[in-house]
Full PDB file with SEQRES, HELIX, SHEET, SSBOND, CRYST1, ORIGX, SCALE, CONECT and MASTER records, all heavy atoms in Angstrom:
SEQRES   1 A   30  ASP GLN ALA GLY LYS VAL ARG PRO ASN ILE MET VAL LEU          
SEQRES   2 A   30  PRO GLU PHE ILE ASN HIS LEU ALA TRP TYR GLU SER PRO          
SEQRES   3 A   30  GLU HIS CYS TYR                                              
HELIX    1 AA1 ALA A    3  VAL A    6  5                                   4    
HELIX    2 AA2 PRO A   26  CYS A   29  1                                   4    
CRYST1    1.000    1.000    1.000  90.00  90.00  90.00 P 1           1          
ORIGX1      1.000000  0.000000  0.000000        0.00000                         
ORIGX2      0.000000  1.000000  0.000000        0.00000                         
ORIGX3      0.000000  0.000000  1.000000        0.00000                         
SCALE1      1.000000  0.000000  0.000000        0.00000                         
SCALE2      0.000000  1.000000  0.000000        0.00000                         
SCALE3      0.000000  0.000000  1.000000        0.00000                         
ATOM      1  N   ASP A   1    -152.639 -93.482  41.109  1.00  0.00           N  
ATOM      2  CA  ASP A   1    -153.956 -93.054  41.583  1.00  0.00           C  
ATOM      3  C   ASP A   1    -154.167 -91.593  41.394  1.00  0.00           C  
ATOM      4  O   ASP A   1    -155.388 -91.184  40.972  1.00  0.00           O  
ATOM      5  CB  ASP A   1    -154.013 -93.292  43.201  1.00  0.00           C  
ATOM      6  CG  ASP A   1    -154.128 -94.795  43.455  1.00  0.00           C  
ATOM      7  OD1 ASP A   1    -154.598 -95.551  42.554  1.00  0.00           O  
ATOM      8  OD2 ASP A   1    -153.864 -95.223  44.598  1.00  0.00           O  
ATOM      9  N   GLN A   2    -153.180 -90.773  41.544  1.00  0.00           N  
ATOM     10  CA  GLN A   2    -153.367 -89.313  41.260  1.00  0.00           C  
ATOM     11  C   GLN A   2    -153.660 -89.041  39.812  1.00  0.00           C  
ATOM     12  O   GLN A   2    -154.574 -88.284  39.440  1.00  0.00           O  
ATOM     13  CB  GLN A   2    -152.174 -88.557  41.730  1.00  0.00           C  
ATOM     14  CG  GLN A   2    -152.275 -87.049  41.639  1.00  0.00           C  
ATOM     15  CD  GLN A   2    -151.111 -86.346  42.282  1.00  0.00           C  
ATOM     16  OE1 GLN A   2    -150.600 -86.730  43.282  1.00  0.00           O  
ATOM     17  NE2 GLN A   2    -150.793 -85.158  41.684  1.00  0.00           N  
ATOM     18  N   ALA A   3    -152.908 -89.810  38.956  1.00  0.00           N  
ATOM     19  CA  ALA A   3    -153.176 -89.687  37.492  1.00  0.00           C  
ATOM     20  C   ALA A   3    -154.525 -90.183  37.127  1.00  0.00           C  
ATOM     21  O   ALA A   3    -155.180 -89.726  36.236  1.00  0.00           O  
ATOM     22  CB  ALA A   3    -152.058 -90.383  36.716  1.00  0.00           C  
ATOM     23  N   GLY A   4    -154.946 -91.272  37.828  1.00  0.00           N  
ATOM     24  CA  GLY A   4    -156.201 -91.865  37.538  1.00  0.00           C  
ATOM     25  C   GLY A   4    -157.408 -90.921  37.733  1.00  0.00           C  
ATOM     26  O   GLY A   4    -158.513 -91.055  37.047  1.00  0.00           O  
ATOM     27  N   LYS A   5    -157.185 -89.908  38.502  1.00  0.00           N  
ATOM     28  CA  LYS A   5    -158.351 -88.933  38.717  1.00  0.00           C  
ATOM     29  C   LYS A   5    -158.714 -88.185  37.487  1.00  0.00           C  
ATOM     30  O   LYS A   5    -159.821 -87.666  37.404  1.00  0.00           O  
ATOM     31  CB  LYS A   5    -157.889 -87.948  39.865  1.00  0.00           C  
ATOM     32  CG  LYS A   5    -157.754 -88.646  41.263  1.00  0.00           C  
ATOM     33  CD  LYS A   5    -157.301 -87.660  42.277  1.00  0.00           C  
ATOM     34  CE  LYS A   5    -157.083 -88.284  43.631  1.00  0.00           C  
ATOM     35  NZ  LYS A   5    -156.593 -87.300  44.624  1.00  0.00           N  
ATOM     36  N   VAL A   6    -157.756 -88.060  36.524  1.00  0.00           N  
ATOM     37  CA  VAL A   6    -158.126 -87.250  35.272  1.00  0.00           C  
ATOM     38  C   VAL A   6    -158.590 -88.259  34.218  1.00  0.00           C  
ATOM     39  O   VAL A   6    -158.820 -87.809  33.074  1.00  0.00           O  
ATOM     40  CB  VAL A   6    -156.836 -86.461  34.834  1.00  0.00           C  
ATOM     41  CG1 VAL A   6    -156.361 -85.562  35.911  1.00  0.00           C  
ATOM     42  CG2 VAL A   6    -155.690 -87.353  34.378  1.00  0.00           C  
ATOM     43  N   ARG A   7    -158.718 -89.546  34.511  1.00  0.00           N  
ATOM     44  CA  ARG A   7    -159.239 -90.544  33.683  1.00  0.00           C  
ATOM     45  C   ARG A   7    -158.534 -90.607  32.263  1.00  0.00           C  
ATOM     46  O   ARG A   7    -159.156 -90.492  31.234  1.00  0.00           O  
ATOM     47  CB  ARG A   7    -160.793 -90.281  33.385  1.00  0.00           C  
ATOM     48  CG  ARG A   7    -161.608 -90.390  34.659  1.00  0.00           C  
ATOM     49  CD  ARG A   7    -163.079 -90.250  34.412  1.00  0.00           C  
ATOM     50  NE  ARG A   7    -163.898 -90.330  35.611  1.00  0.00           N  
ATOM     51  CZ  ARG A   7    -164.240 -91.484  36.242  1.00  0.00           C  
ATOM     52  NH1 ARG A   7    -163.869 -92.591  35.658  1.00  0.00           N  
ATOM     53  NH2 ARG A   7    -164.974 -91.467  37.235  1.00  0.00           N  
ATOM     54  N   PRO A   8    -157.228 -90.829  32.323  1.00  0.00           N  
ATOM     55  CA  PRO A   8    -156.470 -91.024  31.099  1.00  0.00           C  
ATOM     56  C   PRO A   8    -156.708 -92.368  30.416  1.00  0.00           C  
ATOM     57  O   PRO A   8    -157.047 -93.303  31.065  1.00  0.00           O  
ATOM     58  CB  PRO A   8    -154.983 -90.818  31.527  1.00  0.00           C  
ATOM     59  CG  PRO A   8    -154.964 -91.491  32.918  1.00  0.00           C  
ATOM     60  CD  PRO A   8    -156.323 -91.047  33.504  1.00  0.00           C  
ATOM     61  N   ASN A   9    -156.568 -92.388  29.120  1.00  0.00           N  
ATOM     62  CA  ASN A   9    -156.530 -93.669  28.374  1.00  0.00           C  
ATOM     63  C   ASN A   9    -155.190 -94.279  28.354  1.00  0.00           C  
ATOM     64  O   ASN A   9    -155.007 -95.488  28.280  1.00  0.00           O  
ATOM     65  CB  ASN A   9    -156.962 -93.415  26.939  1.00  0.00           C  
ATOM     66  CG  ASN A   9    -158.299 -92.739  26.878  1.00  0.00           C  
ATOM     67  OD1 ASN A   9    -158.407 -91.554  26.520  1.00  0.00           O  
ATOM     68  ND2 ASN A   9    -159.426 -93.493  27.234  1.00  0.00           N  
ATOM     69  N   ILE A  10    -154.193 -93.375  28.459  1.00  0.00           N  
ATOM     70  CA  ILE A  10    -152.778 -93.869  28.450  1.00  0.00           C  
ATOM     71  C   ILE A  10    -151.991 -92.994  29.373  1.00  0.00           C  
ATOM     72  O   ILE A  10    -152.174 -91.807  29.481  1.00  0.00           O  
ATOM     73  CB  ILE A  10    -152.148 -93.707  27.020  1.00  0.00           C  
ATOM     74  CG1 ILE A  10    -152.953 -94.528  25.959  1.00  0.00           C  
ATOM     75  CG2 ILE A  10    -150.645 -94.114  27.028  1.00  0.00           C  
ATOM     76  CD1 ILE A  10    -152.551 -94.173  24.541  1.00  0.00           C  
ATOM     77  N   MET A  11    -151.154 -93.651  30.225  1.00  0.00           N  
ATOM     78  CA  MET A  11    -150.272 -92.835  31.130  1.00  0.00           C  
ATOM     79  C   MET A  11    -148.843 -93.453  31.042  1.00  0.00           C  
ATOM     80  O   MET A  11    -148.659 -94.608  30.790  1.00  0.00           O  
ATOM     81  CB  MET A  11    -150.689 -92.778  32.582  1.00  0.00           C  
ATOM     82  CG  MET A  11    -150.706 -94.106  33.300  1.00  0.00           C  
ATOM     83  SD  MET A  11    -151.109 -93.844  35.114  1.00  0.00           S  
ATOM     84  CE  MET A  11    -152.890 -93.699  35.086  1.00  0.00           C  
ATOM     85  N   VAL A  12    -147.839 -92.529  31.143  1.00  0.00           N  
ATOM     86  CA  VAL A  12    -146.474 -92.901  31.114  1.00  0.00           C  
ATOM     87  C   VAL A  12    -145.765 -92.441  32.396  1.00  0.00           C  
ATOM     88  O   VAL A  12    -146.024 -91.338  32.873  1.00  0.00           O  
ATOM     89  CB  VAL A  12    -145.790 -92.356  29.878  1.00  0.00           C  
ATOM     90  CG1 VAL A  12    -145.978 -90.812  29.725  1.00  0.00           C  
ATOM     91  CG2 VAL A  12    -144.314 -92.734  29.859  1.00  0.00           C  
ATOM     92  N   LEU A  13    -144.926 -93.331  32.954  1.00  0.00           N  
ATOM     93  CA  LEU A  13    -144.190 -93.037  34.255  1.00  0.00           C  
ATOM     94  C   LEU A  13    -142.755 -92.903  33.862  1.00  0.00           C  
ATOM     95  O   LEU A  13    -142.255 -93.263  32.794  1.00  0.00           O  
ATOM     96  CB  LEU A  13    -144.459 -94.124  35.203  1.00  0.00           C  
ATOM     97  CG  LEU A  13    -145.692 -94.125  36.104  1.00  0.00           C  
ATOM     98  CD1 LEU A  13    -146.969 -94.153  35.251  1.00  0.00           C  
ATOM     99  CD2 LEU A  13    -145.699 -95.317  37.107  1.00  0.00           C  
ATOM    100  N   PRO A  14    -141.936 -92.368  34.860  1.00  0.00           N  
ATOM    101  CA  PRO A  14    -140.471 -92.177  34.543  1.00  0.00           C  
ATOM    102  C   PRO A  14    -139.693 -93.439  34.396  1.00  0.00           C  
ATOM    103  O   PRO A  14    -140.222 -94.527  34.481  1.00  0.00           O  
ATOM    104  CB  PRO A  14    -140.042 -91.357  35.776  1.00  0.00           C  
ATOM    105  CG  PRO A  14    -141.292 -90.784  36.431  1.00  0.00           C  
ATOM    106  CD  PRO A  14    -142.324 -91.813  36.152  1.00  0.00           C  
ATOM    107  N   GLU A  15    -138.437 -93.239  34.205  1.00  0.00           N  
ATOM    108  CA  GLU A  15    -137.472 -94.375  34.030  1.00  0.00           C  
ATOM    109  C   GLU A  15    -136.980 -94.822  35.371  1.00  0.00           C  
ATOM    110  O   GLU A  15    -136.807 -94.019  36.326  1.00  0.00           O  
ATOM    111  CB  GLU A  15    -136.238 -93.875  33.150  1.00  0.00           C  
ATOM    112  CG  GLU A  15    -135.297 -94.978  32.786  1.00  0.00           C  
ATOM    113  CD  GLU A  15    -134.117 -94.457  31.962  1.00  0.00           C  
ATOM    114  OE1 GLU A  15    -133.768 -93.197  32.104  1.00  0.00           O  
ATOM    115  OE2 GLU A  15    -133.577 -95.165  31.218  1.00  0.00           O  
ATOM    116  N   PHE A  16    -136.696 -96.146  35.402  1.00  0.00           N  
ATOM    117  CA  PHE A  16    -136.102 -96.718  36.712  1.00  0.00           C  
ATOM    118  C   PHE A  16    -136.900 -96.384  37.931  1.00  0.00           C  
ATOM    119  O   PHE A  16    -136.490 -95.876  38.871  1.00  0.00           O  
ATOM    120  CB  PHE A  16    -134.696 -96.277  36.852  1.00  0.00           C  
ATOM    121  CG  PHE A  16    -133.743 -96.520  35.700  1.00  0.00           C  
ATOM    122  CD1 PHE A  16    -132.795 -95.670  35.374  1.00  0.00           C  
ATOM    123  CD2 PHE A  16    -133.832 -97.651  34.978  1.00  0.00           C  
ATOM    124  CE1 PHE A  16    -131.936 -95.763  34.327  1.00  0.00           C  
ATOM    125  CE2 PHE A  16    -132.964 -97.869  33.925  1.00  0.00           C  
ATOM    126  CZ  PHE A  16    -131.959 -96.949  33.561  1.00  0.00           C  
ATOM    127  N   ILE A  17    -138.230 -96.765  37.835  1.00  0.00           N  
ATOM    128  CA  ILE A  17    -139.092 -96.404  38.988  1.00  0.00           C  
ATOM    129  C   ILE A  17    -138.993 -97.341  40.160  1.00  0.00           C  
ATOM    130  O   ILE A  17    -139.508 -97.039  41.234  1.00  0.00           O  
ATOM    131  CB  ILE A  17    -140.601 -96.388  38.551  1.00  0.00           C  
ATOM    132  CG1 ILE A  17    -140.999 -97.754  37.909  1.00  0.00           C  
ATOM    133  CG2 ILE A  17    -140.851 -95.279  37.578  1.00  0.00           C  
ATOM    134  CD1 ILE A  17    -142.505 -97.828  37.636  1.00  0.00           C  
ATOM    135  N   ASN A  18    -138.266 -98.497  39.978  1.00  0.00           N  
ATOM    136  CA  ASN A  18    -138.139 -99.412  41.096  1.00  0.00           C  
ATOM    137  C   ASN A  18    -136.995 -99.056  42.043  1.00  0.00           C  
ATOM    138  O   ASN A  18    -137.084 -99.488  43.232  1.00  0.00           O  
ATOM    139  CB  ASN A  18    -137.917-100.825  40.517  1.00  0.00           C  
ATOM    140  CG  ASN A  18    -136.779-100.994  39.550  1.00  0.00           C  
ATOM    141  OD1 ASN A  18    -136.705-100.233  38.628  1.00  0.00           O  
ATOM    142  ND2 ASN A  18    -135.829-101.848  39.903  1.00  0.00           N  
ATOM    143  N   HIS A  19    -135.995 -98.281  41.581  1.00  0.00           N  
ATOM    144  CA  HIS A  19    -134.788 -98.008  42.405  1.00  0.00           C  
ATOM    145  C   HIS A  19    -133.947 -96.953  41.755  1.00  0.00           C  
ATOM    146  O   HIS A  19    -133.980 -96.820  40.523  1.00  0.00           O  
ATOM    147  CB  HIS A  19    -133.948 -99.345  42.565  1.00  0.00           C  
ATOM    148  CG  HIS A  19    -132.916 -99.250  43.595  1.00  0.00           C  
ATOM    149  ND1 HIS A  19    -131.651 -98.728  43.318  1.00  0.00           N  
ATOM    150  CD2 HIS A  19    -132.865 -99.608  44.884  1.00  0.00           C  
ATOM    151  CE1 HIS A  19    -130.905 -98.787  44.453  1.00  0.00           C  
ATOM    152  NE2 HIS A  19    -131.636 -99.306  45.414  1.00  0.00           N  
ATOM    153  N   LEU A  20    -133.319 -96.192  42.549  1.00  0.00           N  
ATOM    154  CA  LEU A  20    -132.297 -95.229  41.974  1.00  0.00           C  
ATOM    155  C   LEU A  20    -131.364 -95.867  41.056  1.00  0.00           C  
ATOM    156  O   LEU A  20    -130.909 -97.031  41.318  1.00  0.00           O  
ATOM    157  CB  LEU A  20    -131.462 -94.558  43.181  1.00  0.00           C  
ATOM    158  CG  LEU A  20    -132.128 -93.469  44.034  1.00  0.00           C  
ATOM    159  CD1 LEU A  20    -131.161 -93.044  45.034  1.00  0.00           C  
ATOM    160  CD2 LEU A  20    -132.627 -92.239  43.122  1.00  0.00           C  
ATOM    161  N   ALA A  21    -130.946 -95.211  39.997  1.00  0.00           N  
ATOM    162  CA  ALA A  21    -130.036 -95.767  39.048  1.00  0.00           C  
ATOM    163  C   ALA A  21    -128.578 -95.663  39.626  1.00  0.00           C  
ATOM    164  O   ALA A  21    -127.728 -95.027  38.990  1.00  0.00           O  
ATOM    165  CB  ALA A  21    -130.180 -95.092  37.704  1.00  0.00           C  
ATOM    166  N   TRP A  22    -128.401 -96.261  40.777  1.00  0.00           N  
ATOM    167  CA  TRP A  22    -127.143 -96.157  41.387  1.00  0.00           C  
ATOM    168  C   TRP A  22    -126.900 -97.439  42.173  1.00  0.00           C  
ATOM    169  O   TRP A  22    -127.746 -97.834  43.004  1.00  0.00           O  
ATOM    170  CB  TRP A  22    -127.102 -94.977  42.359  1.00  0.00           C  
ATOM    171  CG  TRP A  22    -125.651 -94.710  42.886  1.00  0.00           C  
ATOM    172  CD1 TRP A  22    -125.072 -95.128  44.012  1.00  0.00           C  
ATOM    173  CD2 TRP A  22    -124.641 -94.000  42.164  1.00  0.00           C  
ATOM    174  NE1 TRP A  22    -123.794 -94.835  44.142  1.00  0.00           N  
ATOM    175  CE2 TRP A  22    -123.429 -94.051  42.999  1.00  0.00           C  
ATOM    176  CE3 TRP A  22    -124.540 -93.342  40.971  1.00  0.00           C  
ATOM    177  CZ2 TRP A  22    -122.211 -93.483  42.595  1.00  0.00           C  
ATOM    178  CZ3 TRP A  22    -123.343 -92.772  40.561  1.00  0.00           C  
ATOM    179  CH2 TRP A  22    -122.297 -92.821  41.371  1.00  0.00           C  
ATOM    180  N   TYR A  23    -125.775 -98.121  41.888  1.00  0.00           N  
ATOM    181  CA  TYR A  23    -125.620 -99.447  42.405  1.00  0.00           C  
ATOM    182  C   TYR A  23    -124.208 -99.692  42.970  1.00  0.00           C  
ATOM    183  O   TYR A  23    -123.223 -99.142  42.461  1.00  0.00           O  
ATOM    184  CB  TYR A  23    -125.917-100.509  41.297  1.00  0.00           C  
ATOM    185  CG  TYR A  23    -127.136-100.248  40.508  1.00  0.00           C  
ATOM    186  CD1 TYR A  23    -126.992 -99.669  39.221  1.00  0.00           C  
ATOM    187  CD2 TYR A  23    -128.412-100.389  41.038  1.00  0.00           C  
ATOM    188  CE1 TYR A  23    -128.160 -99.324  38.474  1.00  0.00           C  
ATOM    189  CE2 TYR A  23    -129.566-100.074  40.271  1.00  0.00           C  
ATOM    190  CZ  TYR A  23    -129.359 -99.512  39.001  1.00  0.00           C  
ATOM    191  OH  TYR A  23    -130.512 -99.200  38.267  1.00  0.00           O  
ATOM    192  N   GLU A  24    -124.140-100.476  44.013  1.00  0.00           N  
ATOM    193  CA  GLU A  24    -122.848-100.690  44.662  1.00  0.00           C  
ATOM    194  C   GLU A  24    -122.040-101.778  43.920  1.00  0.00           C  
ATOM    195  O   GLU A  24    -120.786-101.821  44.012  1.00  0.00           O  
ATOM    196  CB  GLU A  24    -123.093-101.227  46.058  1.00  0.00           C  
ATOM    197  CG  GLU A  24    -123.826-100.184  47.030  1.00  0.00           C  
ATOM    198  CD  GLU A  24    -124.272-100.786  48.315  1.00  0.00           C  
ATOM    199  OE1 GLU A  24    -123.969-101.971  48.549  1.00  0.00           O  
ATOM    200  OE2 GLU A  24    -124.946-100.048  49.057  1.00  0.00           O  
ATOM    201  N   SER A  25    -122.777-102.584  43.186  1.00  0.00           N  
ATOM    202  CA  SER A  25    -122.055-103.742  42.447  1.00  0.00           C  
ATOM    203  C   SER A  25    -123.072-104.290  41.469  1.00  0.00           C  
ATOM    204  O   SER A  25    -124.309-104.065  41.626  1.00  0.00           O  
ATOM    205  CB  SER A  25    -121.637-104.802  43.461  1.00  0.00           C  
ATOM    206  OG  SER A  25    -122.725-105.395  44.073  1.00  0.00           O  
ATOM    207  N   PRO A  26    -122.636-105.142  40.489  1.00  0.00           N  
ATOM    208  CA  PRO A  26    -123.626-105.892  39.698  1.00  0.00           C  
ATOM    209  C   PRO A  26    -124.566-106.728  40.455  1.00  0.00           C  
ATOM    210  O   PRO A  26    -125.725-106.831  40.094  1.00  0.00           O  
ATOM    211  CB  PRO A  26    -122.732-106.701  38.747  1.00  0.00           C  
ATOM    212  CG  PRO A  26    -121.422-105.886  38.709  1.00  0.00           C  
ATOM    213  CD  PRO A  26    -121.262-105.325  40.088  1.00  0.00           C  
ATOM    214  N   GLU A  27    -124.090-107.227  41.526  1.00  0.00           N  
ATOM    215  CA  GLU A  27    -124.933-108.100  42.353  1.00  0.00           C  
ATOM    216  C   GLU A  27    -126.100-107.268  42.999  1.00  0.00           C  
ATOM    217  O   GLU A  27    -127.262-107.704  43.140  1.00  0.00           O  
ATOM    218  CB  GLU A  27    -124.179-108.820  43.454  1.00  0.00           C  
ATOM    219  CG  GLU A  27    -123.162-109.846  42.924  1.00  0.00           C  
ATOM    220  CD  GLU A  27    -121.967-109.285  42.240  1.00  0.00           C  
ATOM    221  OE1 GLU A  27    -121.589-108.048  42.530  1.00  0.00           O  
ATOM    222  OE2 GLU A  27    -121.251-109.978  41.492  1.00  0.00           O  
ATOM    223  N   HIS A  28    -125.675-106.073  43.476  1.00  0.00           N  
ATOM    224  CA  HIS A  28    -126.706-105.180  44.067  1.00  0.00           C  
ATOM    225  C   HIS A  28    -127.708-104.733  43.000  1.00  0.00           C  
ATOM    226  O   HIS A  28    -128.875-104.679  43.283  1.00  0.00           O  
ATOM    227  CB  HIS A  28    -126.005-103.901  44.609  1.00  0.00           C  
ATOM    228  CG  HIS A  28    -126.896-102.896  45.176  1.00  0.00           C  
ATOM    229  ND1 HIS A  28    -126.821-101.545  44.806  1.00  0.00           N  
ATOM    230  CD2 HIS A  28    -127.915-102.978  46.031  1.00  0.00           C  
ATOM    231  CE1 HIS A  28    -127.720-100.891  45.429  1.00  0.00           C  
ATOM    232  NE2 HIS A  28    -128.474-101.781  46.273  1.00  0.00           N  
ATOM    233  N   CYS A  29    -127.192-104.425  41.790  1.00  0.00           N  
ATOM    234  CA  CYS A  29    -128.155-104.035  40.720  1.00  0.00           C  
ATOM    235  C   CYS A  29    -129.179-105.135  40.414  1.00  0.00           C  
ATOM    236  O   CYS A  29    -130.360-104.876  40.304  1.00  0.00           O  
ATOM    237  CB  CYS A  29    -127.360-103.687  39.435  1.00  0.00           C  
ATOM    238  SG  CYS A  29    -128.382-103.267  38.039  1.00  0.00           S  
ATOM    239  N   TYR A  30    -128.692-106.419  40.428  1.00  0.00           N  
ATOM    240  CA  TYR A  30    -129.626-107.510  40.164  1.00  0.00           C  
ATOM    241  C   TYR A  30    -130.572-107.656  41.255  1.00  0.00           C  
ATOM    242  O   TYR A  30    -131.746-107.951  41.066  1.00  0.00           O  
ATOM    243  CB  TYR A  30    -128.728-108.780  39.957  1.00  0.00           C  
ATOM    244  CG  TYR A  30    -129.544-109.969  39.441  1.00  0.00           C  
ATOM    245  CD1 TYR A  30    -129.776-110.092  38.081  1.00  0.00           C  
ATOM    246  CD2 TYR A  30    -130.033-110.942  40.309  1.00  0.00           C  
ATOM    247  CE1 TYR A  30    -130.474-111.126  37.594  1.00  0.00           C  
ATOM    248  CE2 TYR A  30    -130.772-111.966  39.830  1.00  0.00           C  
ATOM    249  CZ  TYR A  30    -130.939-112.141  38.488  1.00  0.00           C  
ATOM    250  OH  TYR A  30    -131.689-113.148  37.957  1.00  0.00           O  
TER     251      TYR A  30                                                      
MASTER        0    0    0    2    0    0    0    6  250    1    0    3          
END                                                                             
């Protein structure tokens, strides 16, 4: 929403935006 205020045609967000890239186990990562 903040980026939308400048009316871009294309925007790019960081990596791993859903969760920290730190996991207790493969099951936790999944």
